[in-house]
Amino acid sequence: MKRLSSFVSLFSSASTIVCCALPALFIVLGAGATFASLIGMFPQLIWLSEQKLYFFGFGAVMLSMAGYLQWKARLAACPADPKLGDACATTKDWSRTIYFLSLAFYLLGAGFAFLPGLFA
């Protein structure tokens, strides 16, 4: 369950990057024409941007759930068997890394999606 929630939170937070951070990055880099042609090929990107509150809401729920499961499992003991213990430790490390990567994606997307609106 913990592993699944980490991957779901990664993909939901990555969708916030596609919805909001990627368009802003293209504009900042002066690639507005590239972004316009990208929208021409994938008009669904406009729909994603219009539904950003739902994407960020779903991402927040998934990240909260994954964070709770990470917190709950932080002190869980790994098996005494060396092979299983190594696998357990590796899984814990990867799960924590994926969670914090997801959180970074989410915050980056939120920054691009909501901060410019505050200063406009």
PDB file of N, CA and C in Angstrom:
ATOM      1  N   MET A   1       0.827  -1.199   0.000  1.00  0.00           N
ATOM      2  CA  MET A   1       0.000   0.000   0.000  1.00  0.00           C
ATOM      3  C   MET A   1       0.869   1.260   0.000  1.00  0.00           C
ATOM      4  N   LYS A   2       1.923   1.225   0.839  1.00  0.00           N
ATOM      5  CA  LYS A   2       2.798   2.399   0.923  1.00  0.00           C
ATOM      6  C   LYS A   2       3.491   2.649  -0.408  1.00  0.00           C
ATOM      7  N   ARG A   3       3.936   1.574  -1.037  1.00  0.00           N
ATOM      8  CA  ARG A   3       4.636   1.711  -2.309  1.00  0.00           C
ATOM      9  C   ARG A   3       3.690   2.232  -3.387  1.00  0.00           C
ATOM     10  N   LEU A   4       2.475   1.697  -3.421  1.00  0.00           N
ATOM     11  CA  LEU A   4       1.492   2.135  -4.396  1.00  0.00           C
ATOM     12  C   LEU A   4       1.150   3.606  -4.206  1.00  0.00           C
ATOM     13  N   SER A   5       0.947   4.018  -2.964  1.00  0.00           N
ATOM     14  CA  SER A   5       0.608   5.423  -2.724  1.00  0.00           C
ATOM     15  C   SER A   5       1.752   6.347  -3.107  1.00  0.00           C
ATOM     16  N   SER A   6       2.990   5.900  -2.940  1.00  0.00           N
ATOM     17  CA  SER A   6       4.132   6.725  -3.350  1.00  0.00           C
ATOM     18  C   SER A   6       4.154   6.921  -4.855  1.00  0.00           C
ATOM     19  N   PHE A   7       3.905   5.851  -5.606  1.00  0.00           N
ATOM     20  CA  PHE A   7       3.904   5.986  -7.059  1.00  0.00           C
ATOM     21  C   PHE A   7       2.710   6.786  -7.552  1.00  0.00           C
ATOM     22  N   VAL A   8       1.541   6.598  -6.945  1.00  0.00           N
ATOM     23  CA  VAL A   8       0.373   7.380  -7.347  1.00  0.00           C
ATOM     24  C   VAL A   8       0.599   8.855  -7.043  1.00  0.00           C
ATOM     25  N   SER A   9       1.208   9.146  -5.898  1.00  0.00           N
ATOM     26  CA  SER A   9       1.484  10.546  -5.570  1.00  0.00           C
ATOM     27  C   SER A   9       2.508  11.138  -6.534  1.00  0.00           C
ATOM     28  N   LEU A  10       3.477  10.323  -6.979  1.00  0.00           N
ATOM     29  CA  LEU A  10       4.448  10.801  -7.965  1.00  0.00           C
ATOM     30  C   LEU A  10       3.758  11.161  -9.279  1.00  0.00           C
ATOM     31  N   PHE A  11       2.881  10.293  -9.760  1.00  0.00           N
ATOM     32  CA  PHE A  11       2.221  10.559 -11.029  1.00  0.00           C
ATOM     33  C   PHE A  11       1.207  11.688 -10.920  1.00  0.00           C
ATOM     34  N   SER A  12       0.528  11.797  -9.787  1.00  0.00           N
ATOM     35  CA  SER A  12      -0.427  12.904  -9.654  1.00  0.00           C
ATOM     36  C   SER A  12       0.302  14.233  -9.527  1.00  0.00           C
ATOM     37  N   SER A  13       1.436  14.248  -8.860  1.00  0.00           N
ATOM     38  CA  SER A  13       2.178  15.503  -8.763  1.00  0.00           C
ATOM     39  C   SER A  13       2.886  15.826 -10.074  1.00  0.00           C
ATOM     40  N   ALA A  14       3.262  14.807 -10.838  1.00  0.00           N
ATOM     41  CA  ALA A  14       3.854  15.058 -12.153  1.00  0.00           C
ATOM     42  C   ALA A  14       2.820  15.653 -13.100  1.00  0.00           C
ATOM     43  N   SER A  15       1.550  15.311 -12.908  1.00  0.00           N
ATOM     44  CA  SER A  15       0.516  15.905 -13.761  1.00  0.00           C
ATOM     45  C   SER A  15       0.394  17.400 -13.506  1.00  0.00           C
ATOM     46  N   THR A  16       0.714  17.835 -12.285  1.00  0.00           N
ATOM     47  CA  THR A  16       0.696  19.269 -12.014  1.00  0.00           C
ATOM     48  C   THR A  16       1.814  19.983 -12.777  1.00  0.00           C
ATOM     49  N   ILE A  17       2.909  19.272 -13.006  1.00  0.00           N
ATOM     50  CA  ILE A  17       3.997  19.839 -13.805  1.00  0.00           C
ATOM     51  C   ILE A  17       3.521  20.044 -15.242  1.00  0.00           C
ATOM     52  N   VAL A  18       2.861  19.024 -15.810  1.00  0.00           N
ATOM     53  CA  VAL A  18       2.385  19.108 -17.187  1.00  0.00           C
ATOM     54  C   VAL A  18       1.333  20.197 -17.317  1.00  0.00           C
ATOM     55  N   CYS A  19       0.456  20.275 -16.321  1.00  0.00           N
ATOM     56  CA  CYS A  19      -0.650  21.225 -16.396  1.00  0.00           C
ATOM     57  C   CYS A  19      -0.185  22.663 -16.284  1.00  0.00           C
ATOM     58  N   CYS A  20       0.751  22.933 -15.426  1.00  0.00           N
ATOM     59  CA  CYS A  20       1.008  24.331 -15.085  1.00  0.00           C
ATOM     60  C   CYS A  20       2.470  24.780 -15.208  1.00  0.00           C
ATOM     61  N   ALA A  21       3.411  23.937 -14.837  1.00  0.00           N
ATOM     62  CA  ALA A  21       4.804  24.370 -14.855  1.00  0.00           C
ATOM     63  C   ALA A  21       5.398  24.321 -16.258  1.00  0.00           C
ATOM     64  N   LEU A  22       5.054  23.313 -17.033  1.00  0.00           N
ATOM     65  CA  LEU A  22       5.609  23.191 -18.377  1.00  0.00           C
ATOM     66  C   LEU A  22       5.229  24.366 -19.277  1.00  0.00           C
ATOM     67  N   PRO A  23       3.958  24.778 -19.309  1.00  0.00           N
ATOM     68  CA  PRO A  23       3.634  25.958 -20.130  1.00  0.00           C
ATOM     69  C   PRO A  23       4.387  27.211 -19.692  1.00  0.00           C
ATOM     70  N   ALA A  24       4.504  27.416 -18.402  1.00  0.00           N
ATOM     71  CA  ALA A  24       5.221  28.596 -17.916  1.00  0.00           C
ATOM     72  C   ALA A  24       6.699  28.530 -18.276  1.00  0.00           C
ATOM     73  N   LEU A  25       7.271  27.342 -18.206  1.00  0.00           N
ATOM     74  CA  LEU A  25       8.680  27.183 -18.562  1.00  0.00           C
ATOM     75  C   LEU A  25       8.914  27.521 -20.035  1.00  0.00           C
ATOM     76  N   PHE A  26       8.031  27.054 -20.916  1.00  0.00           N
ATOM     77  CA  PHE A  26       8.168  27.384 -22.333  1.00  0.00           C
ATOM     78  C   PHE A  26       8.103  28.885 -22.564  1.00  0.00           C
ATOM     79  N   ILE A  27       7.201  29.549 -21.895  1.00  0.00           N
ATOM     80  CA  ILE A  27       7.050  30.993 -22.077  1.00  0.00           C
ATOM     81  C   ILE A  27       8.282  31.725 -21.548  1.00  0.00           C
ATOM     82  N   VAL A  28       8.766  31.320 -20.368  1.00  0.00           N
ATOM     83  CA  VAL A  28       9.940  31.975 -19.775  1.00  0.00           C
ATOM     84  C   VAL A  28      11.165  31.801 -20.662  1.00  0.00           C
ATOM     85  N   LEU A  29      11.299  30.635 -21.281  1.00  0.00           N
ATOM     86  CA  LEU A  29      12.456  30.384 -22.136  1.00  0.00           C
ATOM     87  C   LEU A  29      12.329  31.024 -23.520  1.00  0.00           C
ATOM     88  N   GLY A  30      11.215  31.705 -23.756  1.00  0.00           N
ATOM     89  CA  GLY A  30      11.026  32.361 -25.043  1.00  0.00           C
ATOM     90  C   GLY A  30      10.588  31.401 -26.130  1.00  0.00           C
ATOM     91  N   ALA A  31      10.017  30.287 -25.724  1.00  0.00           N
ATOM     92  CA  ALA A  31       9.581  29.285 -26.692  1.00  0.00           C
ATOM     93  C   ALA A  31       8.063  29.291 -26.803  1.00  0.00           C
ATOM     94  N   GLY A  32       7.488  30.487 -26.885  1.00  0.00           N
ATOM     95  CA  GLY A  32       6.042  30.616 -26.987  1.00  0.00           C
ATOM     96  C   GLY A  32       5.490  29.963 -28.245  1.00  0.00           C
ATOM     97  N   ALA A  33       6.227  30.061 -29.351  1.00  0.00           N
ATOM     98  CA  ALA A  33       5.773  29.437 -30.597  1.00  0.00           C
ATOM     99  C   ALA A  33       5.790  27.915 -30.469  1.00  0.00           C
ATOM    100  N   THR A  34       6.794  27.407 -29.784  1.00  0.00           N
ATOM    101  CA  THR A  34       6.853  25.965 -29.541  1.00  0.00           C
ATOM    102  C   THR A  34       5.678  25.525 -28.696  1.00  0.00           C
ATOM    103  N   PHE A  35       5.360  26.306 -27.698  1.00  0.00           N
ATOM    104  CA  PHE A  35       4.217  25.973 -26.851  1.00  0.00           C
ATOM    105  C   PHE A  35       2.915  26.048 -27.633  1.00  0.00           C
ATOM    106  N   ALA A  36       2.785  27.032 -28.506  1.00  0.00           N
ATOM    107  CA  ALA A  36       1.577  27.150 -29.323  1.00  0.00           C
ATOM    108  C   ALA A  36       1.422  25.941 -30.243  1.00  0.00           C
ATOM    109  N   SER A  37       2.514  25.470 -30.822  1.00  0.00           N
ATOM    110  CA  SER A  37       2.420  24.280 -31.675  1.00  0.00           C
ATOM    111  C   SER A  37       2.144  23.034 -30.841  1.00  0.00           C
ATOM    112  N   LEU A  38       2.658  22.990 -29.630  1.00  0.00           N
ATOM    113  CA  LEU A  38       2.373  21.869 -28.726  1.00  0.00           C
ATOM    114  C   LEU A  38       0.891  21.831 -28.374  1.00  0.00           C
ATOM    115  N   ILE A  39       0.311  22.996 -28.143  1.00  0.00           N
ATOM    116  CA  ILE A  39      -1.130  23.070 -27.859  1.00  0.00           C
ATOM    117  C   ILE A  39      -1.925  22.673 -29.098  1.00  0.00           C
ATOM    118  N   GLY A  40      -1.420  23.025 -30.266  1.00  0.00           N
ATOM    119  CA  GLY A  40      -2.091  22.624 -31.495  1.00  0.00           C
ATOM    120  C   GLY A  40      -2.120  21.113 -31.666  1.00  0.00           C
ATOM    121  N   MET A  41      -1.039  20.462 -31.240  1.00  0.00           N
ATOM    122  CA  MET A  41      -0.980  18.999 -31.352  1.00  0.00           C
ATOM    123  C   MET A  41      -1.745  18.312 -30.223  1.00  0.00           C
ATOM    124  N   PHE A  42      -1.709  18.897 -29.031  1.00  0.00           N
ATOM    125  CA  PHE A  42      -2.354  18.314 -27.848  1.00  0.00           C
ATOM    126  C   PHE A  42      -3.274  19.345 -27.195  1.00  0.00           C
ATOM    127  N   PRO A  43      -4.456  19.564 -27.749  1.00  0.00           N
ATOM    128  CA  PRO A  43      -5.354  20.577 -27.177  1.00  0.00           C
ATOM    129  C   PRO A  43      -5.853  20.209 -25.775  1.00  0.00           C
ATOM    130  N   GLN A  44      -5.622  18.982 -25.349  1.00  0.00           N
ATOM    131  CA  GLN A  44      -6.027  18.567 -24.006  1.00  0.00           C
ATOM    132  C   GLN A  44      -5.248  19.325 -22.930  1.00  0.00           C
ATOM    133  N   LEU A  45      -4.107  19.877 -23.286  1.00  0.00           N
ATOM    134  CA  LEU A  45      -3.327  20.649 -22.313  1.00  0.00           C
ATOM    135  C   LEU A  45      -4.108  21.854 -21.795  1.00  0.00           C
ATOM    136  N   ILE A  46      -4.948  22.420 -22.633  1.00  0.00           N
ATOM    137  CA  ILE A  46      -5.764  23.556 -22.194  1.00  0.00           C
ATOM    138  C   ILE A  46      -6.763  23.085 -21.152  1.00  0.00           C
ATOM    139  N   TRP A  47      -7.385  21.923 -21.392  1.00  0.00           N
ATOM    140  CA  TRP A  47      -8.329  21.371 -20.424  1.00  0.00           C
ATOM    141  C   TRP A  47      -7.638  21.091 -19.093  1.00  0.00           C
ATOM    142  N   LEU A  48      -6.410  20.574 -19.144  1.00  0.00           N
ATOM    143  CA  LEU A  48      -5.668  20.308 -17.911  1.00  0.00           C
ATOM    144  C   LEU A  48      -5.446  21.595 -17.123  1.00  0.00           C
ATOM    145  N   SER A  49      -5.101  22.656 -17.809  1.00  0.00           N
ATOM    146  CA  SER A  49      -4.874  23.936 -17.137  1.00  0.00           C
ATOM    147  C   SER A  49      -6.157  24.496 -16.538  1.00  0.00           C
ATOM    148  N   GLU A  50      -7.278  24.272 -17.233  1.00  0.00           N
ATOM    149  CA  GLU A  50      -8.555  24.761 -16.713  1.00  0.00           C
ATOM    150  C   GLU A  50      -8.994  23.991 -15.469  1.00  0.00           C
ATOM    151  N   GLN A  51      -8.574  22.753 -15.341  1.00  0.00           N
ATOM    152  CA  GLN A  51      -8.974  21.899 -14.220  1.00  0.00           C
ATOM    153  C   GLN A  51      -7.893  21.803 -13.143  1.00  0.00           C
ATOM    154  N   LYS A  52      -7.031  22.806 -13.057  1.00  0.00           N
ATOM    155  CA  LYS A  52      -5.880  22.704 -12.161  1.00  0.00           C
ATOM    156  C   LYS A  52      -6.259  22.568 -10.691  1.00  0.00           C
ATOM    157  N   LEU A  53      -7.365  23.132 -10.266  1.00  0.00           N
ATOM    158  CA  LEU A  53      -7.762  22.979  -8.859  1.00  0.00           C
ATOM    159  C   LEU A  53      -8.042  21.523  -8.525  1.00  0.00           C
ATOM    160  N   TYR A  54      -8.663  20.797  -9.452  1.00  0.00           N
ATOM    161  CA  TYR A  54      -8.929  19.376  -9.218  1.00  0.00           C
ATOM    162  C   TYR A  54      -7.632  18.572  -9.199  1.00  0.00           C
ATOM    163  N   PHE A  55      -6.721  18.890 -10.118  1.00  0.00           N
ATOM    164  CA  PHE A  55      -5.440  18.189 -10.148  1.00  0.00           C
ATOM    165  C   PHE A  55      -4.659  18.427  -8.861  1.00  0.00           C
ATOM    166  N   PHE A  56      -4.613  19.673  -8.429  1.00  0.00           N
ATOM    167  CA  PHE A  56      -3.861  19.970  -7.215  1.00  0.00           C
ATOM    168  C   PHE A  56      -4.551  19.415  -5.979  1.00  0.00           C
ATOM    169  N   GLY A  57      -5.870  19.396  -5.967  1.00  0.00           N
ATOM    170  CA  GLY A  57      -6.595  18.797  -4.854  1.00  0.00           C
ATOM    171  C   GLY A  57      -6.330  17.310  -4.751  1.00  0.00           C
ATOM    172  N   PHE A  58      -6.416  16.604  -5.887  1.00  0.00           N
ATOM    173  CA  PHE A  58      -6.132  15.170  -5.901  1.00  0.00           C
ATOM    174  C   PHE A  58      -4.683  14.911  -5.514  1.00  0.00           C
ATOM    175  N   GLY A  59      -3.779  15.720  -6.028  1.00  0.00           N
ATOM    176  CA  GLY A  59      -2.365  15.571  -5.674  1.00  0.00           C
ATOM    177  C   GLY A  59      -2.120  15.783  -4.195  1.00  0.00           C
ATOM    178  N   ALA A  60      -2.800  16.760  -3.602  1.00  0.00           N
ATOM    179  CA  ALA A  60      -2.633  17.019  -2.163  1.00  0.00           C
ATOM    180  C   ALA A  60      -3.140  15.844  -1.336  1.00  0.00           C
ATOM    181  N   VAL A  61      -4.268  15.267  -1.750  1.00  0.00           N
ATOM    182  CA  VAL A  61      -4.799  14.108  -1.018  1.00  0.00           C
ATOM    183  C   VAL A  61      -3.836  12.934  -1.117  1.00  0.00           C
ATOM    184  N   MET A  62      -3.335  12.665  -2.307  1.00  0.00           N
ATOM    185  CA  MET A  62      -2.418  11.533  -2.490  1.00  0.00           C
ATOM    186  C   MET A  62      -1.102  11.756  -1.750  1.00  0.00           C
ATOM    187  N   LEU A  63      -0.579  12.978  -1.797  1.00  0.00           N
ATOM    188  CA  LEU A  63       0.656  13.262  -1.078  1.00  0.00           C
ATOM    189  C   LEU A  63       0.456  13.175   0.434  1.00  0.00           C
ATOM    190  N   SER A  64      -0.696  13.609   0.906  1.00  0.00           N
ATOM    191  CA  SER A  64      -0.981  13.498   2.333  1.00  0.00           C
ATOM    192  C   SER A  64      -1.060  12.045   2.763  1.00  0.00           C
ATOM    193  N   MET A  65      -1.725  11.233   1.959  1.00  0.00           N
ATOM    194  CA  MET A  65      -1.834   9.818   2.280  1.00  0.00           C
ATOM    195  C   MET A  65      -0.463   9.137   2.248  1.00  0.00           C
ATOM    196  N   ALA A  66       0.316   9.441   1.228  1.00  0.00           N
ATOM    197  CA  ALA A  66       1.655   8.859   1.136  1.00  0.00           C
ATOM    198  C   ALA A  66       2.541   9.345   2.280  1.00  0.00           C
ATOM    199  N   GLY A  67       2.423  10.608   2.643  1.00  0.00           N
ATOM    200  CA  GLY A  67       3.211  11.128   3.765  1.00  0.00           C
ATOM    201  C   GLY A  67       2.834  10.468   5.080  1.00  0.00           C
ATOM    202  N   TYR A  68       1.537  10.239   5.276  1.00  0.00           N
ATOM    203  CA  TYR A  68       1.090   9.556   6.490  1.00  0.00           C
ATOM    204  C   TYR A  68       1.650   8.131   6.544  1.00  0.00           C
ATOM    205  N   LEU A  69       1.595   7.432   5.427  1.00  0.00           N
ATOM    206  CA  LEU A  69       2.116   6.072   5.401  1.00  0.00           C
ATOM    207  C   LEU A  69       3.631   6.046   5.588  1.00  0.00           C
ATOM    208  N   GLN A  70       4.328   7.033   5.046  1.00  0.00           N
ATOM    209  CA  GLN A  70       5.779   7.127   5.268  1.00  0.00           C
ATOM    210  C   GLN A  70       6.077   7.355   6.754  1.00  0.00           C
ATOM    211  N   TRP A  71       5.323   8.260   7.362  1.00  0.00           N
ATOM    212  CA  TRP A  71       5.525   8.574   8.773  1.00  0.00           C
ATOM    213  C   TRP A  71       5.252   7.358   9.649  1.00  0.00           C
ATOM    214  N   LYS A  72       4.191   6.656   9.316  1.00  0.00           N
ATOM    215  CA  LYS A  72       3.799   5.489  10.095  1.00  0.00           C
ATOM    216  C   LYS A  72       4.829   4.364   9.980  1.00  0.00           C
ATOM    217  N   ALA A  73       5.461   4.224   8.835  1.00  0.00           N
ATOM    218  CA  ALA A  73       6.399   3.127   8.598  1.00  0.00           C
ATOM    219  C   ALA A  73       7.850   3.493   8.885  1.00  0.00           C
ATOM    220  N   ARG A  74       8.104   4.702   9.332  1.00  0.00           N
ATOM    221  CA  ARG A  74       9.497   5.147   9.493  1.00  0.00           C
ATOM    222  C   ARG A  74      10.271   4.336  10.517  1.00  0.00           C
ATOM    223  N   LEU A  75       9.605   3.852  11.543  1.00  0.00           N
ATOM    224  CA  LEU A  75      10.286   3.097  12.592  1.00  0.00           C
ATOM    225  C   LEU A  75      10.023   1.594  12.518  1.00  0.00           C
ATOM    226  N   ALA A  76       9.357   1.167  11.455  1.00  0.00           N
ATOM    227  CA  ALA A  76       9.070  -0.262  11.308  1.00  0.00           C
ATOM    228  C   ALA A  76      10.373  -1.028  11.124  1.00  0.00           C
ATOM    229  N   ALA A  77      10.473  -2.138  11.817  1.00  0.00           N
ATOM    230  CA  ALA A  77      11.692  -2.950  11.742  1.00  0.00           C
ATOM    231  C   ALA A  77      11.693  -3.793  10.478  1.00  0.00           C
ATOM    232  N   CYS A  78      12.866  -3.977   9.932  1.00  0.00           N
ATOM    233  CA  CYS A  78      13.031  -4.856   8.778  1.00  0.00           C
ATOM    234  C   CYS A  78      13.310  -6.270   9.286  1.00  0.00           C
ATOM    235  N   PRO A  79      13.076  -7.287   8.458  1.00  0.00           N
ATOM    236  CA  PRO A  79      13.319  -8.665   8.882  1.00  0.00           C
ATOM    237  C   PRO A  79      14.786  -8.916   9.240  1.00  0.00           C
ATOM    238  N   ALA A  80      15.012  -9.910  10.079  1.00  0.00           N
ATOM    239  CA  ALA A  80      16.374 -10.241  10.517  1.00  0.00           C
ATOM    240  C   ALA A  80      17.158 -10.962   9.423  1.00  0.00           C
ATOM    241  N   ASP A  81      16.470 -11.622   8.529  1.00  0.00           N
ATOM    242  CA  ASP A  81      17.131 -12.302   7.416  1.00  0.00           C
ATOM    243  C   ASP A  81      17.896 -11.266   6.598  1.00  0.00           C
ATOM    244  N   PRO A  82      19.206 -11.475   6.372  1.00  0.00           N
ATOM    245  CA  PRO A  82      20.002 -10.454   5.672  1.00  0.00           C
ATOM    246  C   PRO A  82      19.460 -10.078   4.284  1.00  0.00           C
ATOM    247  N   LYS A  83      19.005 -11.083   3.530  1.00  0.00           N
ATOM    248  CA  LYS A  83      18.500 -10.809   2.188  1.00  0.00           C
ATOM    249  C   LYS A  83      17.212  -9.988   2.250  1.00  0.00           C
ATOM    250  N   LEU A  84      16.296 -10.410   3.100  1.00  0.00           N
ATOM    251  CA  LEU A  84      15.037  -9.682   3.252  1.00  0.00           C
ATOM    252  C   LEU A  84      15.248  -8.320   3.900  1.00  0.00           C
ATOM    253  N   GLY A  85      16.200  -8.245   4.829  1.00  0.00           N
ATOM    254  CA  GLY A  85      16.509  -6.970   5.480  1.00  0.00           C
ATOM    255  C   GLY A  85      17.045  -5.945   4.505  1.00  0.00           C
ATOM    256  N   ASP A  86      17.926  -6.404   3.594  1.00  0.00           N
ATOM    257  CA  ASP A  86      18.460  -5.497   2.575  1.00  0.00           C
ATOM    258  C   ASP A  86      17.355  -5.029   1.632  1.00  0.00           C
ATOM    259  N   ALA A  87      16.491  -5.962   1.244  1.00  0.00           N
ATOM    260  CA  ALA A  87      15.379  -5.591   0.356  1.00  0.00           C
ATOM    261  C   ALA A  87      14.450  -4.599   1.050  1.00  0.00           C
ATOM    262  N   CYS A  88      14.195  -4.815   2.322  1.00  0.00           N
ATOM    263  CA  CYS A  88      13.333  -3.912   3.091  1.00  0.00           C
ATOM    264  C   CYS A  88      13.956  -2.517   3.188  1.00  0.00           C
ATOM    265  N   ALA A  89      15.245  -2.459   3.501  1.00  0.00           N
ATOM    266  CA  ALA A  89      15.927  -1.168   3.628  1.00  0.00           C
ATOM    267  C   ALA A  89      15.950  -0.428   2.291  1.00  0.00           C
ATOM    268  N   THR A  90      16.193  -1.168   1.213  1.00  0.00           N
ATOM    269  CA  THR A  90      16.209  -0.558  -0.116  1.00  0.00           C
ATOM    270  C   THR A  90      14.833  -0.006  -0.471  1.00  0.00           C
ATOM    271  N   THR A  91      13.799  -0.783  -0.165  1.00  0.00           N
ATOM    272  CA  THR A  91      12.442  -0.330  -0.452  1.00  0.00           C
ATOM    273  C   THR A  91      12.092   0.909   0.349  1.00  0.00           C
ATOM    274  N   LYS A  92      12.494   0.946   1.600  1.00  0.00           N
ATOM    275  CA  LYS A  92      12.236   2.139   2.433  1.00  0.00           C
ATOM    276  C   LYS A  92      12.929   3.366   1.854  1.00  0.00           C
ATOM    277  N   ASP A  93      14.184   3.189   1.440  1.00  0.00           N
ATOM    278  CA  ASP A  93      14.931   4.316   0.877  1.00  0.00           C
ATOM    279  C   ASP A  93      14.288   4.821  -0.416  1.00  0.00           C
ATOM    280  N   TRP A  94      13.925   3.891  -1.306  1.00  0.00           N
ATOM    281  CA  TRP A  94      13.304   4.285  -2.563  1.00  0.00           C
ATOM    282  C   TRP A  94      11.959   4.950  -2.325  1.00  0.00           C
ATOM    283  N   SER A  95      11.203   4.399  -1.413  1.00  0.00           N
ATOM    284  CA  SER A  95       9.883   4.956  -1.121  1.00  0.00           C
ATOM    285  C   SER A  95      10.005   6.382  -0.595  1.00  0.00           C
ATOM    286  N   ARG A  96      10.937   6.615   0.283  1.00  0.00           N
ATOM    287  CA  ARG A  96      11.157   7.960   0.826  1.00  0.00           C
ATOM    288  C   ARG A  96      11.631   8.915  -0.272  1.00  0.00           C
ATOM    289  N   THR A  97      12.531   8.444  -1.123  1.00  0.00           N
ATOM    290  CA  THR A  97      13.032   9.274  -2.214  1.00  0.00           C
ATOM    291  C   THR A  97      11.908   9.639  -3.186  1.00  0.00           C
ATOM    292  N   ILE A  98      11.086   8.662  -3.539  1.00  0.00           N
ATOM    293  CA  ILE A  98       9.970   8.920  -4.452  1.00  0.00           C
ATOM    294  C   ILE A  98       8.987   9.898  -3.824  1.00  0.00           C
ATOM    295  N   TYR A  99       8.755   9.762  -2.528  1.00  0.00           N
ATOM    296  CA  TYR A  99       7.826  10.670  -1.862  1.00  0.00           C
ATOM    297  C   TYR A  99       8.340  12.116  -1.912  1.00  0.00           C
ATOM    298  N   PHE A 100       9.593  12.320  -1.576  1.00  0.00           N
ATOM    299  CA  PHE A 100      10.120  13.685  -1.563  1.00  0.00           C
ATOM    300  C   PHE A 100      10.255  14.253  -2.981  1.00  0.00           C
ATOM    301  N   LEU A 101      10.514  13.395  -3.963  1.00  0.00           N
ATOM    302  CA  LEU A 101      10.518  13.839  -5.351  1.00  0.00           C
ATOM    303  C   LEU A 101       9.107  14.273  -5.762  1.00  0.00           C
ATOM    304  N   SER A 102       8.116  13.504  -5.353  1.00  0.00           N
ATOM    305  CA  SER A 102       6.722  13.861  -5.635  1.00  0.00           C
ATOM    306  C   SER A 102       6.363  15.196  -4.992  1.00  0.00           C
ATOM    307  N   LEU A 103       6.782  15.381  -3.766  1.00  0.00           N
ATOM    308  CA  LEU A 103       6.508  16.625  -3.060  1.00  0.00           C
ATOM    309  C   LEU A 103       7.172  17.809  -3.758  1.00  0.00           C
ATOM    310  N   ALA A 104       8.391  17.616  -4.234  1.00  0.00           N
ATOM    311  CA  ALA A 104       9.089  18.689  -4.953  1.00  0.00           C
ATOM    312  C   ALA A 104       8.362  19.032  -6.257  1.00  0.00           C
ATOM    313  N   PHE A 105       7.919  18.006  -7.003  1.00  0.00           N
ATOM    314  CA  PHE A 105       7.154  18.248  -8.228  1.00  0.00           C
ATOM    315  C   PHE A 105       5.872  19.017  -7.924  1.00  0.00           C
ATOM    316  N   TYR A 106       5.204  18.603  -6.884  1.00  0.00           N
ATOM    317  CA  TYR A 106       3.940  19.244  -6.515  1.00  0.00           C
ATOM    318  C   TYR A 106       4.157  20.719  -6.176  1.00  0.00           C
ATOM    319  N   LEU A 107       5.161  21.007  -5.367  1.00  0.00           N
ATOM    320  CA  LEU A 107       5.429  22.389  -4.972  1.00  0.00           C
ATOM    321  C   LEU A 107       5.879  23.233  -6.154  1.00  0.00           C
ATOM    322  N   LEU A 108       6.654  22.646  -7.058  1.00  0.00           N
ATOM    323  CA  LEU A 108       7.066  23.367  -8.262  1.00  0.00           C
ATOM    324  C   LEU A 108       5.851  23.696  -9.125  1.00  0.00           C
ATOM    325  N   GLY A 109       4.994  22.709  -9.330  1.00  0.00           N
ATOM    326  CA  GLY A 109       3.780  22.949 -10.107  1.00  0.00           C
ATOM    327  C   GLY A 109       2.878  23.979  -9.457  1.00  0.00           C
ATOM    328  N   ALA A 110       2.733  23.905  -8.124  1.00  0.00           N
ATOM    329  CA  ALA A 110       1.896  24.871  -7.402  1.00  0.00           C
ATOM    330  C   ALA A 110       2.474  26.279  -7.515  1.00  0.00           C
ATOM    331  N   GLY A 111       3.787  26.364  -7.463  1.00  0.00           N
ATOM    332  CA  GLY A 111       4.418  27.669  -7.606  1.00  0.00           C
ATOM    333  C   GLY A 111       4.106  28.301  -8.952  1.00  0.00           C
ATOM    334  N   PHE A 112       4.224  27.514 -10.021  1.00  0.00           N
ATOM    335  CA  PHE A 112       3.934  28.034 -11.352  1.00  0.00           C
ATOM    336  C   PHE A 112       2.454  28.273 -11.571  1.00  0.00           C
ATOM    337  N   ALA A 113       1.605  27.489 -10.913  1.00  0.00           N
ATOM    338  CA  ALA A 113       0.162  27.599 -11.157  1.00  0.00           C
ATOM    339  C   ALA A 113      -0.485  28.741 -10.387  1.00  0.00           C
ATOM    340  N   PHE A 114      -0.069  28.948  -9.147  1.00  0.00           N
ATOM    341  CA  PHE A 114      -0.812  29.868  -8.293  1.00  0.00           C
ATOM    342  C   PHE A 114      -0.060  31.149  -7.918  1.00  0.00           C
ATOM    343  N   LEU A 115       1.247  31.131  -7.867  1.00  0.00           N
ATOM    344  CA  LEU A 115       1.981  32.334  -7.473  1.00  0.00           C
ATOM    345  C   LEU A 115       1.858  33.484  -8.486  1.00  0.00           C
ATOM    346  N   PRO A 116       1.939  33.236  -9.793  1.00  0.00           N
ATOM    347  CA  PRO A 116       1.779  34.373 -10.719  1.00  0.00           C
ATOM    348  C   PRO A 116       0.423  35.056 -10.581  1.00  0.00           C
ATOM    349  N   GLY A 117      -0.613  34.316 -10.256  1.00  0.00           N
ATOM    350  CA  GLY A 117      -1.946  34.904 -10.080  1.00  0.00           C
ATOM    351  C   GLY A 117      -2.015  35.831  -8.878  1.00  0.00           C
ATOM    352  N   LEU A 118      -1.166  35.602  -7.898  1.00  0.00           N
ATOM    353  CA  LEU A 118      -1.154  36.459  -6.712  1.00  0.00           C
ATOM    354  C   LEU A 118      -0.568  37.837  -7.006  1.00  0.00           C
ATOM    355  N   PHE A 119       0.338  37.893  -7.981  1.00  0.00           N
ATOM    356  CA  PHE A 119       1.024  39.145  -8.266  1.00  0.00           C
ATOM    357  C   PHE A 119       0.473  39.856  -9.503  1.00  0.00           C
ATOM    358  N   ALA A 120      -0.550  39.306 -10.116  1.00  0.00           N
ATOM    359  CA  ALA A 120      -1.100  39.922 -11.338  1.00  0.00           C
ATOM    360  C   ALA A 120      -2.085  41.009 -11.011  1.00  0.00           C
TER     361      ALA A 120
END
